[in-house]
Amino acid sequence: MLTSESFGELAAALAAFNAAAVNPIADQVAKVHSKRTNSDFTYPYAELGGITDVERPELAKHGLSIWQNVVYADGRGWIGTETTIVWGNPGVPAEWVRFDPVWVPIPDEGSPQDIGKAISYSRRYGYLAALGLAARESSDGPPAGDRRQEKPAQSRASRPAAPAAPAAIGSARAAALIAMANRKGKTAEDVRSFAAAAGHDGPLEKAPPAIADRLGRRLEGMPDLFDANGEALSPASAPSGEPQADSPEATP
């Protein structure tokens, strides 16, 4: 995270904003097919336009605005969004705080639609996280347990035999993936999010080997930012194209 030299006025404006802000409603429904379980399920979410429509008027009351910049990790297959909150009044130097990108893996197909979805996902969560907000579910929607929809039933005679479920990777390999992610500057929660984006929506240690292999390949393509002891490596090993905190390109 980067900030302007002073940000006291911005912090006060954010505190006032959060005292009055209302969490946006997750009034959209996403439909997902799980290859692992061969079942469809839905989950609610708040679309980006709905979020900004709710929050922008309150931000403006406190002299706040938000910039978002889409960045791409060249050669690693990740796309992300840097979110910057700016405070300013006429005749007063502007203050700002910039948050690290919310990285999202681009699906292997990499079609324009896939990239657009990844950008939208990154922007939504970057916007909410920067403001300390979370989309809330409408009380009119069905309970979470009712959203999973099994495929239409088949007769026993015509129903194909279910393939054997792949063995889970177990806690040891899950810990190894998290340790690798930590060296790249990522957290265990990041790894679980990446696994969910790849099609595994359960505990990491229960992920099938194919998902773990995919995560491993993506992590191996990222440069190490920390050593095994958690010590930061030299700036030369930082990802190319991403400004360091003390570089001129790091300021807006």
C-alpha atoms as a PDB file:
ATOM      1  CA  MET A   1       0.000   0.000   0.000  1.00  0.00           C
ATOM      2  CA  LEU A   2       1.276   3.494  -0.888  1.00  0.00           C
ATOM      3  CA  THR A   3       0.156   6.865   0.497  1.00  0.00           C
ATOM      4  CA  SER A   4       0.741  10.529  -0.035  1.00  0.00           C
ATOM      5  CA  GLU A   5       3.178  12.224   2.335  1.00  0.00           C
ATOM      6  CA  SER A   6       0.304  13.234   4.586  1.00  0.00           C
ATOM      7  CA  PHE A   7      -3.137  11.665   4.735  1.00  0.00           C
ATOM      8  CA  GLY A   8      -4.757  12.927   7.935  1.00  0.00           C
ATOM      9  CA  GLU A   9      -7.572  14.719   6.136  1.00  0.00           C
ATOM     10  CA  LEU A  10      -8.212  11.676   3.964  1.00  0.00           C
ATOM     11  CA  ALA A  11      -8.371   9.409   7.034  1.00  0.00           C
ATOM     12  CA  ALA A  12     -10.891  11.742   8.687  1.00  0.00           C
ATOM     13  CA  ALA A  13     -12.987  11.869   5.516  1.00  0.00           C
ATOM     14  CA  LEU A  14     -12.943   8.061   5.250  1.00  0.00           C
ATOM     15  CA  ALA A  15     -14.040   7.742   8.883  1.00  0.00           C
ATOM     16  CA  ALA A  16     -16.971  10.066   8.205  1.00  0.00           C
ATOM     17  CA  PHE A  17     -17.811   8.167   5.020  1.00  0.00           C
ATOM     18  CA  ASN A  18     -17.806   4.798   6.811  1.00  0.00           C
ATOM     19  CA  ALA A  19     -20.076   6.149   9.522  1.00  0.00           C
ATOM     20  CA  ALA A  20     -22.710   6.947   6.897  1.00  0.00           C
ATOM     21  CA  ALA A  21     -22.014   4.368   4.154  1.00  0.00           C
ATOM     22  CA  VAL A  22     -24.413   1.505   3.449  1.00  0.00           C
ATOM     23  CA  ASN A  23     -23.189  -1.844   2.174  1.00  0.00           C
ATOM     24  CA  PRO A  24     -24.465  -2.506  -1.366  1.00  0.00           C
ATOM     25  CA  ILE A  25     -26.969  -5.311  -1.881  1.00  0.00           C
ATOM     26  CA  ALA A  26     -25.902  -8.457  -3.708  1.00  0.00           C
ATOM     27  CA  ASP A  27     -28.885  -8.364  -6.054  1.00  0.00           C
ATOM     28  CA  GLN A  28     -27.348 -10.256  -8.997  1.00  0.00           C
ATOM     29  CA  VAL A  29     -27.103 -14.037  -9.330  1.00  0.00           C
ATOM     30  CA  ALA A  30     -24.170 -15.855 -10.903  1.00  0.00           C
ATOM     31  CA  LYS A  31     -24.663 -19.364 -12.280  1.00  0.00           C
ATOM     32  CA  VAL A  32     -21.668 -21.696 -12.087  1.00  0.00           C
ATOM     33  CA  HIS A  33     -21.136 -25.273 -13.198  1.00  0.00           C
ATOM     34  CA  SER A  34     -18.734 -27.296 -11.056  1.00  0.00           C
ATOM     35  CA  LYS A  35     -16.790 -29.817 -13.119  1.00  0.00           C
ATOM     36  CA  ARG A  36     -15.673 -31.528  -9.937  1.00  0.00           C
ATOM     37  CA  THR A  37     -19.198 -32.378  -8.746  1.00  0.00           C
ATOM     38  CA  ASN A  38     -20.979 -32.097 -12.126  1.00  0.00           C
ATOM     39  CA  SER A  39     -23.575 -29.856 -10.518  1.00  0.00           C
ATOM     40  CA  ASP A  40     -24.792 -26.310 -11.011  1.00  0.00           C
ATOM     41  CA  PHE A  41     -24.990 -23.768  -8.242  1.00  0.00           C
ATOM     42  CA  THR A  42     -25.677 -20.063  -7.926  1.00  0.00           C
ATOM     43  CA  TYR A  43     -24.416 -17.341  -5.650  1.00  0.00           C
ATOM     44  CA  PRO A  44     -25.432 -13.706  -5.180  1.00  0.00           C
ATOM     45  CA  TYR A  45     -23.140 -10.793  -5.955  1.00  0.00           C
ATOM     46  CA  ALA A  46     -23.290  -7.026  -6.356  1.00  0.00           C
ATOM     47  CA  GLU A  47     -22.383  -5.820  -9.841  1.00  0.00           C
ATOM     48  CA  LEU A  48     -19.850  -3.017 -10.194  1.00  0.00           C
ATOM     49  CA  GLY A  49     -22.387  -0.496 -11.504  1.00  0.00           C
ATOM     50  CA  GLY A  50     -24.694  -1.154  -8.573  1.00  0.00           C
ATOM     51  CA  ILE A  51     -21.841  -0.711  -6.089  1.00  0.00           C
ATOM     52  CA  THR A  52     -20.674   2.612  -7.533  1.00  0.00           C
ATOM     53  CA  ASP A  53     -24.228   3.949  -7.831  1.00  0.00           C
ATOM     54  CA  VAL A  54     -24.703   3.391  -4.085  1.00  0.00           C
ATOM     55  CA  GLU A  55     -21.319   4.629  -2.853  1.00  0.00           C
ATOM     56  CA  ARG A  56     -20.362   7.544  -5.136  1.00  0.00           C
ATOM     57  CA  PRO A  57     -22.866  10.093  -3.744  1.00  0.00           C
ATOM     58  CA  GLU A  58     -21.678   9.448  -0.180  1.00  0.00           C
ATOM     59  CA  LEU A  59     -18.028   9.579  -1.259  1.00  0.00           C
ATOM     60  CA  ALA A  60     -18.621  12.948  -2.935  1.00  0.00           C
ATOM     61  CA  LYS A  61     -20.140  14.372   0.263  1.00  0.00           C
ATOM     62  CA  HIS A  62     -16.790  13.846   1.982  1.00  0.00           C
ATOM     63  CA  GLY A  63     -14.568  15.014  -0.866  1.00  0.00           C
ATOM     64  CA  LEU A  64     -13.521  11.469  -1.785  1.00  0.00           C
ATOM     65  CA  SER A  65     -13.154   9.834  -5.171  1.00  0.00           C
ATOM     66  CA  ILE A  66     -11.794   6.515  -6.395  1.00  0.00           C
ATOM     67  CA  TRP A  67      -9.481   5.670  -9.282  1.00  0.00           C
ATOM     68  CA  GLN A  68      -8.935   2.141 -10.528  1.00  0.00           C
ATOM     69  CA  ASN A  69      -6.104   1.048 -12.788  1.00  0.00           C
ATOM     70  CA  VAL A  70      -6.088  -2.393 -14.436  1.00  0.00           C
ATOM     71  CA  VAL A  71      -2.639  -4.029 -14.448  1.00  0.00           C
ATOM     72  CA  TYR A  72      -1.393  -7.229 -16.042  1.00  0.00           C
ATOM     73  CA  ALA A  73       1.328  -9.520 -14.724  1.00  0.00           C
ATOM     74  CA  ASP A  74       3.139 -10.192 -17.982  1.00  0.00           C
ATOM     75  CA  GLY A  75       3.956 -13.851 -18.534  1.00  0.00           C
ATOM     76  CA  ARG A  76       2.122 -15.010 -15.406  1.00  0.00           C
ATOM     77  CA  GLY A  77      -1.491 -15.098 -16.604  1.00  0.00           C
ATOM     78  CA  TRP A  78      -2.821 -12.806 -13.864  1.00  0.00           C
ATOM     79  CA  ILE A  79      -4.776  -9.579 -14.108  1.00  0.00           C
ATOM     80  CA  GLY A  80      -5.475  -7.159 -11.282  1.00  0.00           C
ATOM     81  CA  THR A  81      -6.778  -3.753 -10.279  1.00  0.00           C
ATOM     82  CA  GLU A  82      -4.987  -1.084  -8.256  1.00  0.00           C
ATOM     83  CA  THR A  83      -7.519   1.007  -6.321  1.00  0.00           C
ATOM     84  CA  THR A  84      -6.627   4.560  -5.236  1.00  0.00           C
ATOM     85  CA  ILE A  85      -8.751   6.677  -2.883  1.00  0.00           C
ATOM     86  CA  VAL A  86      -8.222  10.441  -3.296  1.00  0.00           C
ATOM     87  CA  TRP A  87      -9.286  13.283  -1.012  1.00  0.00           C
ATOM     88  CA  GLY A  88      -9.120  16.900  -2.084  1.00  0.00           C
ATOM     89  CA  ASN A  89     -10.624  20.330  -1.582  1.00  0.00           C
ATOM     90  CA  PRO A  90      -9.929  23.546  -3.530  1.00  0.00           C
ATOM     91  CA  GLY A  91      -6.696  25.203  -2.421  1.00  0.00           C
ATOM     92  CA  VAL A  92      -5.579  22.206  -0.362  1.00  0.00           C
ATOM     93  CA  PRO A  93      -3.008  19.614  -1.532  1.00  0.00           C
ATOM     94  CA  ALA A  94      -4.676  16.346  -2.446  1.00  0.00           C
ATOM     95  CA  GLU A  95      -4.105  13.271  -0.282  1.00  0.00           C
ATOM     96  CA  TRP A  96      -4.289   9.689  -1.527  1.00  0.00           C
ATOM     97  CA  VAL A  97      -3.821   6.066  -0.619  1.00  0.00           C
ATOM     98  CA  ARG A  98      -3.219   3.338  -3.196  1.00  0.00           C
ATOM     99  CA  PHE A  99      -3.939  -0.322  -2.451  1.00  0.00           C
ATOM    100  CA  ASP A 100      -2.093  -3.303  -3.882  1.00  0.00           C
ATOM    101  CA  PRO A 101      -3.759  -4.999  -6.859  1.00  0.00           C
ATOM    102  CA  VAL A 102      -6.446  -7.625  -6.319  1.00  0.00           C
ATOM    103  CA  TRP A 103      -4.988 -10.361  -8.535  1.00  0.00           C
ATOM    104  CA  VAL A 104      -7.250 -12.756 -10.426  1.00  0.00           C
ATOM    105  CA  PRO A 105      -6.008 -15.660 -12.592  1.00  0.00           C
ATOM    106  CA  ILE A 106      -7.102 -15.513 -16.208  1.00  0.00           C
ATOM    107  CA  PRO A 107      -8.704 -18.823 -17.290  1.00  0.00           C
ATOM    108  CA  ASP A 108      -6.594 -20.946 -19.610  1.00  0.00           C
ATOM    109  CA  GLU A 109      -8.870 -20.136 -22.571  1.00  0.00           C
ATOM    110  CA  GLY A 110      -8.114 -16.412 -22.192  1.00  0.00           C
ATOM    111  CA  SER A 111     -10.981 -15.210 -24.412  1.00  0.00           C
ATOM    112  CA  PRO A 112     -11.982 -11.512 -24.307  1.00  0.00           C
ATOM    113  CA  GLN A 113     -15.051 -12.515 -22.284  1.00  0.00           C
ATOM    114  CA  ASP A 114     -12.843 -14.371 -19.755  1.00  0.00           C
ATOM    115  CA  ILE A 115     -10.553 -11.359 -19.419  1.00  0.00           C
ATOM    116  CA  GLY A 116     -13.535  -9.015 -19.013  1.00  0.00           C
ATOM    117  CA  LYS A 117     -14.974 -11.182 -16.236  1.00  0.00           C
ATOM    118  CA  ALA A 118     -11.605 -11.282 -14.453  1.00  0.00           C
ATOM    119  CA  ILE A 119     -11.296  -7.482 -14.637  1.00  0.00           C
ATOM    120  CA  SER A 120     -14.841  -6.993 -13.346  1.00  0.00           C
ATOM    121  CA  TYR A 121     -14.214  -9.415 -10.465  1.00  0.00           C
ATOM    122  CA  SER A 122     -10.971  -7.662  -9.524  1.00  0.00           C
ATOM    123  CA  ARG A 123     -12.518  -4.182  -9.712  1.00  0.00           C
ATOM    124  CA  ARG A 124     -15.533  -5.130  -7.582  1.00  0.00           C
ATOM    125  CA  TYR A 125     -13.526  -6.658  -4.772  1.00  0.00           C
ATOM    126  CA  GLY A 126     -10.804  -4.001  -4.951  1.00  0.00           C
ATOM    127  CA  TYR A 127     -13.425  -1.247  -4.648  1.00  0.00           C
ATOM    128  CA  LEU A 128     -15.195  -2.857  -1.692  1.00  0.00           C
ATOM    129  CA  ALA A 129     -11.973  -3.811   0.122  1.00  0.00           C
ATOM    130  CA  ALA A 130     -10.485  -0.317  -0.201  1.00  0.00           C
ATOM    131  CA  LEU A 131     -13.605   1.213   1.374  1.00  0.00           C
ATOM    132  CA  GLY A 132     -14.003  -1.466   4.048  1.00  0.00           C
ATOM    133  CA  LEU A 133     -17.366  -2.574   2.659  1.00  0.00           C
ATOM    134  CA  ALA A 134     -18.957  -5.917   1.798  1.00  0.00           C
ATOM    135  CA  ALA A 135     -21.936  -6.739  -0.375  1.00  0.00           C
ATOM    136  CA  ARG A 136     -24.886  -7.827   1.733  1.00  0.00           C
ATOM    137  CA  GLU A 137     -27.418 -10.397   0.654  1.00  0.00           C
ATOM    138  CA  SER A 138     -31.004  -9.385   0.117  1.00  0.00           C
ATOM    139  CA  SER A 139     -33.414 -10.898   2.641  1.00  0.00           C
ATOM    140  CA  ASP A 140     -35.743 -11.695  -0.264  1.00  0.00           C
ATOM    141  CA  GLY A 141     -33.367 -14.252  -1.790  1.00  0.00           C
ATOM    142  CA  PRO A 142     -33.339 -18.001  -1.107  1.00  0.00           C
ATOM    143  CA  PRO A 143     -31.177 -19.266   1.765  1.00  0.00           C
ATOM    144  CA  ALA A 144     -27.645 -20.229   0.790  1.00  0.00           C
ATOM    145  CA  GLY A 145     -28.277 -23.922   1.322  1.00  0.00           C
ATOM    146  CA  ASP A 146     -31.025 -23.921  -1.313  1.00  0.00           C
ATOM    147  CA  ARG A 147     -28.906 -22.578  -4.167  1.00  0.00           C
ATOM    148  CA  ARG A 148     -27.200 -25.756  -5.278  1.00  0.00           C
ATOM    149  CA  GLN A 149     -29.096 -27.380  -8.120  1.00  0.00           C
ATOM    150  CA  GLU A 150     -28.372 -30.952  -9.080  1.00  0.00           C
ATOM    151  CA  LYS A 151     -28.565 -32.040 -12.696  1.00  0.00           C
ATOM    152  CA  PRO A 152     -31.939 -33.532 -13.738  1.00  0.00           C
ATOM    153  CA  ALA A 153     -32.295 -37.047 -12.423  1.00  0.00           C
ATOM    154  CA  GLN A 154     -31.681 -39.924 -14.823  1.00  0.00           C
ATOM    155  CA  SER A 155     -33.091 -43.400 -14.620  1.00  0.00           C
ATOM    156  CA  ARG A 156     -30.757 -45.938 -13.048  1.00  0.00           C
ATOM    157  CA  ALA A 157     -30.628 -47.830 -16.346  1.00  0.00           C
ATOM    158  CA  SER A 158     -29.416 -44.833 -18.369  1.00  0.00           C
ATOM    159  CA  ARG A 159     -27.353 -43.090 -15.700  1.00  0.00           C
ATOM    160  CA  PRO A 160     -23.610 -43.424 -16.446  1.00  0.00           C
ATOM    161  CA  ALA A 161     -21.376 -44.643 -13.692  1.00  0.00           C
ATOM    162  CA  ALA A 162     -19.865 -41.739 -11.789  1.00  0.00           C
ATOM    163  CA  PRO A 163     -16.113 -41.469 -12.272  1.00  0.00           C
ATOM    164  CA  ALA A 164     -14.003 -42.063  -9.230  1.00  0.00           C
ATOM    165  CA  ALA A 165     -13.255 -38.806  -7.437  1.00  0.00           C
ATOM    166  CA  PRO A 166      -9.572 -37.849  -7.667  1.00  0.00           C
ATOM    167  CA  ALA A 167      -7.602 -38.219  -4.476  1.00  0.00           C
ATOM    168  CA  ALA A 168      -7.266 -35.067  -2.398  1.00  0.00           C
ATOM    169  CA  ILE A 169      -3.823 -33.491  -2.113  1.00  0.00           C
ATOM    170  CA  GLY A 170      -3.857 -33.574   1.689  1.00  0.00           C
ATOM    171  CA  SER A 171      -2.621 -31.104   4.267  1.00  0.00           C
ATOM    172  CA  ALA A 172       1.099 -31.517   3.489  1.00  0.00           C
ATOM    173  CA  ARG A 173       0.843 -30.437  -0.144  1.00  0.00           C
ATOM    174  CA  ALA A 174      -1.663 -27.707   0.741  1.00  0.00           C
ATOM    175  CA  ALA A 175       0.869 -26.332   3.227  1.00  0.00           C
ATOM    176  CA  ALA A 176       3.588 -26.492   0.554  1.00  0.00           C
ATOM    177  CA  LEU A 177       1.439 -24.474  -1.864  1.00  0.00           C
ATOM    178  CA  ILE A 178       0.756 -21.868   0.809  1.00  0.00           C
ATOM    179  CA  ALA A 179       4.470 -21.668   1.644  1.00  0.00           C
ATOM    180  CA  MET A 180       5.251 -21.131  -2.048  1.00  0.00           C
ATOM    181  CA  ALA A 181       2.557 -18.438  -2.229  1.00  0.00           C
ATOM    182  CA  ASN A 182       4.019 -16.701   0.828  1.00  0.00           C
ATOM    183  CA  ARG A 183       7.368 -16.427  -0.945  1.00  0.00           C
ATOM    184  CA  LYS A 184       5.518 -14.702  -3.805  1.00  0.00           C
ATOM    185  CA  GLY A 185       3.867 -12.217  -1.447  1.00  0.00           C
ATOM    186  CA  LYS A 186       0.510 -14.030  -1.421  1.00  0.00           C
ATOM    187  CA  THR A 187      -1.518 -15.304   1.544  1.00  0.00           C
ATOM    188  CA  ALA A 188      -3.312 -18.553   2.270  1.00  0.00           C
ATOM    189  CA  GLU A 189      -6.579 -16.767   1.520  1.00  0.00           C
ATOM    190  CA  ASP A 190      -5.199 -15.782  -1.892  1.00  0.00           C
ATOM    191  CA  VAL A 191      -4.409 -19.445  -2.609  1.00  0.00           C
ATOM    192  CA  ARG A 192      -7.933 -20.516  -1.633  1.00  0.00           C
ATOM    193  CA  SER A 193      -9.373 -17.787  -3.882  1.00  0.00           C
ATOM    194  CA  PHE A 194      -7.194 -18.964  -6.771  1.00  0.00           C
ATOM    195  CA  ALA A 195      -8.335 -22.550  -6.208  1.00  0.00           C
ATOM    196  CA  ALA A 196     -11.983 -21.426  -6.231  1.00  0.00           C
ATOM    197  CA  ALA A 197     -11.413 -19.573  -9.505  1.00  0.00           C
ATOM    198  CA  ALA A 198      -9.895 -22.763 -10.927  1.00  0.00           C
ATOM    199  CA  GLY A 199     -12.991 -24.786  -9.982  1.00  0.00           C
ATOM    200  CA  HIS A 200     -12.337 -26.054  -6.434  1.00  0.00           C
ATOM    201  CA  ASP A 201     -14.659 -24.452  -3.887  1.00  0.00           C
ATOM    202  CA  GLY A 202     -13.759 -26.477  -0.790  1.00  0.00           C
ATOM    203  CA  PRO A 203     -10.873 -26.670   1.698  1.00  0.00           C
ATOM    204  CA  LEU A 204      -7.490 -26.504  -0.007  1.00  0.00           C
ATOM    205  CA  GLU A 205      -6.332 -29.830   1.410  1.00  0.00           C
ATOM    206  CA  LYS A 206      -9.300 -31.512  -0.299  1.00  0.00           C
ATOM    207  CA  ALA A 207      -8.402 -30.108  -3.725  1.00  0.00           C
ATOM    208  CA  PRO A 208      -7.713 -32.706  -6.451  1.00  0.00           C
ATOM    209  CA  PRO A 209      -4.144 -33.026  -7.766  1.00  0.00           C
ATOM    210  CA  ALA A 210      -5.059 -31.392 -11.089  1.00  0.00           C
ATOM    211  CA  ILE A 211      -6.088 -28.180  -9.310  1.00  0.00           C
ATOM    212  CA  ALA A 212      -2.929 -28.244  -7.171  1.00  0.00           C
ATOM    213  CA  ASP A 213      -0.768 -28.770 -10.274  1.00  0.00           C
ATOM    214  CA  ARG A 214      -2.417 -25.783 -11.943  1.00  0.00           C
ATOM    215  CA  LEU A 215      -1.914 -23.577  -8.897  1.00  0.00           C
ATOM    216  CA  GLY A 216       1.692 -24.718  -8.622  1.00  0.00           C
ATOM    217  CA  ARG A 217       2.425 -23.803 -12.234  1.00  0.00           C
ATOM    218  CA  ARG A 218       0.926 -20.349 -11.808  1.00  0.00           C
ATOM    219  CA  LEU A 219       2.831 -19.708  -8.579  1.00  0.00           C
ATOM    220  CA  GLU A 220       6.098 -20.936 -10.089  1.00  0.00           C
ATOM    221  CA  GLY A 221       5.704 -18.323 -12.815  1.00  0.00           C
ATOM    222  CA  MET A 222       5.701 -15.528 -10.206  1.00  0.00           C
ATOM    223  CA  PRO A 223       8.953 -14.093  -8.835  1.00  0.00           C
ATOM    224  CA  ASP A 224       9.918 -14.653  -5.199  1.00  0.00           C
ATOM    225  CA  LEU A 225       9.465 -11.530  -3.054  1.00  0.00           C
ATOM    226  CA  PHE A 226      10.397 -13.192   0.262  1.00  0.00           C
ATOM    227  CA  ASP A 227      12.729 -15.985   1.325  1.00  0.00           C
ATOM    228  CA  ALA A 228      11.717 -19.057   3.330  1.00  0.00           C
ATOM    229  CA  ASN A 229      12.188 -17.089   6.569  1.00  0.00           C
ATOM    230  CA  GLY A 230       9.868 -14.309   5.469  1.00  0.00           C
ATOM    231  CA  GLU A 231      12.663 -11.829   4.795  1.00  0.00           C
ATOM    232  CA  ALA A 232      12.091  -9.483   1.845  1.00  0.00           C
ATOM    233  CA  LEU A 233      14.370 -10.112  -1.113  1.00  0.00           C
ATOM    234  CA  SER A 234      16.185  -7.388  -3.002  1.00  0.00           C
ATOM    235  CA  PRO A 235      14.114  -5.021  -5.199  1.00  0.00           C
ATOM    236  CA  ALA A 236      15.726  -6.556  -8.278  1.00  0.00           C
ATOM    237  CA  SER A 237      13.605  -9.669  -7.781  1.00  0.00           C
ATOM    238  CA  ALA A 238      10.288  -7.765  -7.742  1.00  0.00           C
ATOM    239  CA  PRO A 239       7.845  -8.358 -10.655  1.00  0.00           C
ATOM    240  CA  SER A 240       8.738  -6.418 -13.778  1.00  0.00           C
ATOM    241  CA  GLY A 241       6.363  -3.597 -14.647  1.00  0.00           C
ATOM    242  CA  GLU A 242       5.207  -3.134 -11.044  1.00  0.00           C
ATOM    243  CA  PRO A 243       6.620   0.065  -9.441  1.00  0.00           C
ATOM    244  CA  GLN A 244       8.355  -0.169  -6.077  1.00  0.00           C
ATOM    245  CA  ALA A 245       7.245   1.959  -3.176  1.00  0.00           C
ATOM    246  CA  ASP A 246      10.263   4.261  -3.511  1.00  0.00           C
ATOM    247  CA  SER A 247      10.186   4.608  -7.326  1.00  0.00           C
ATOM    248  CA  PRO A 248       8.843   7.687  -9.169  1.00  0.00           C
ATOM    249  CA  GLU A 249       6.300   5.541 -10.990  1.00  0.00           C
ATOM    250  CA  ALA A 250       4.694   4.571  -7.686  1.00  0.00           C
ATOM    251  CA  THR A 251       3.023   7.962  -7.210  1.00  0.00           C
ATOM    252  CA  PRO A 252      -0.119   8.956  -9.102  1.00  0.00           C
END
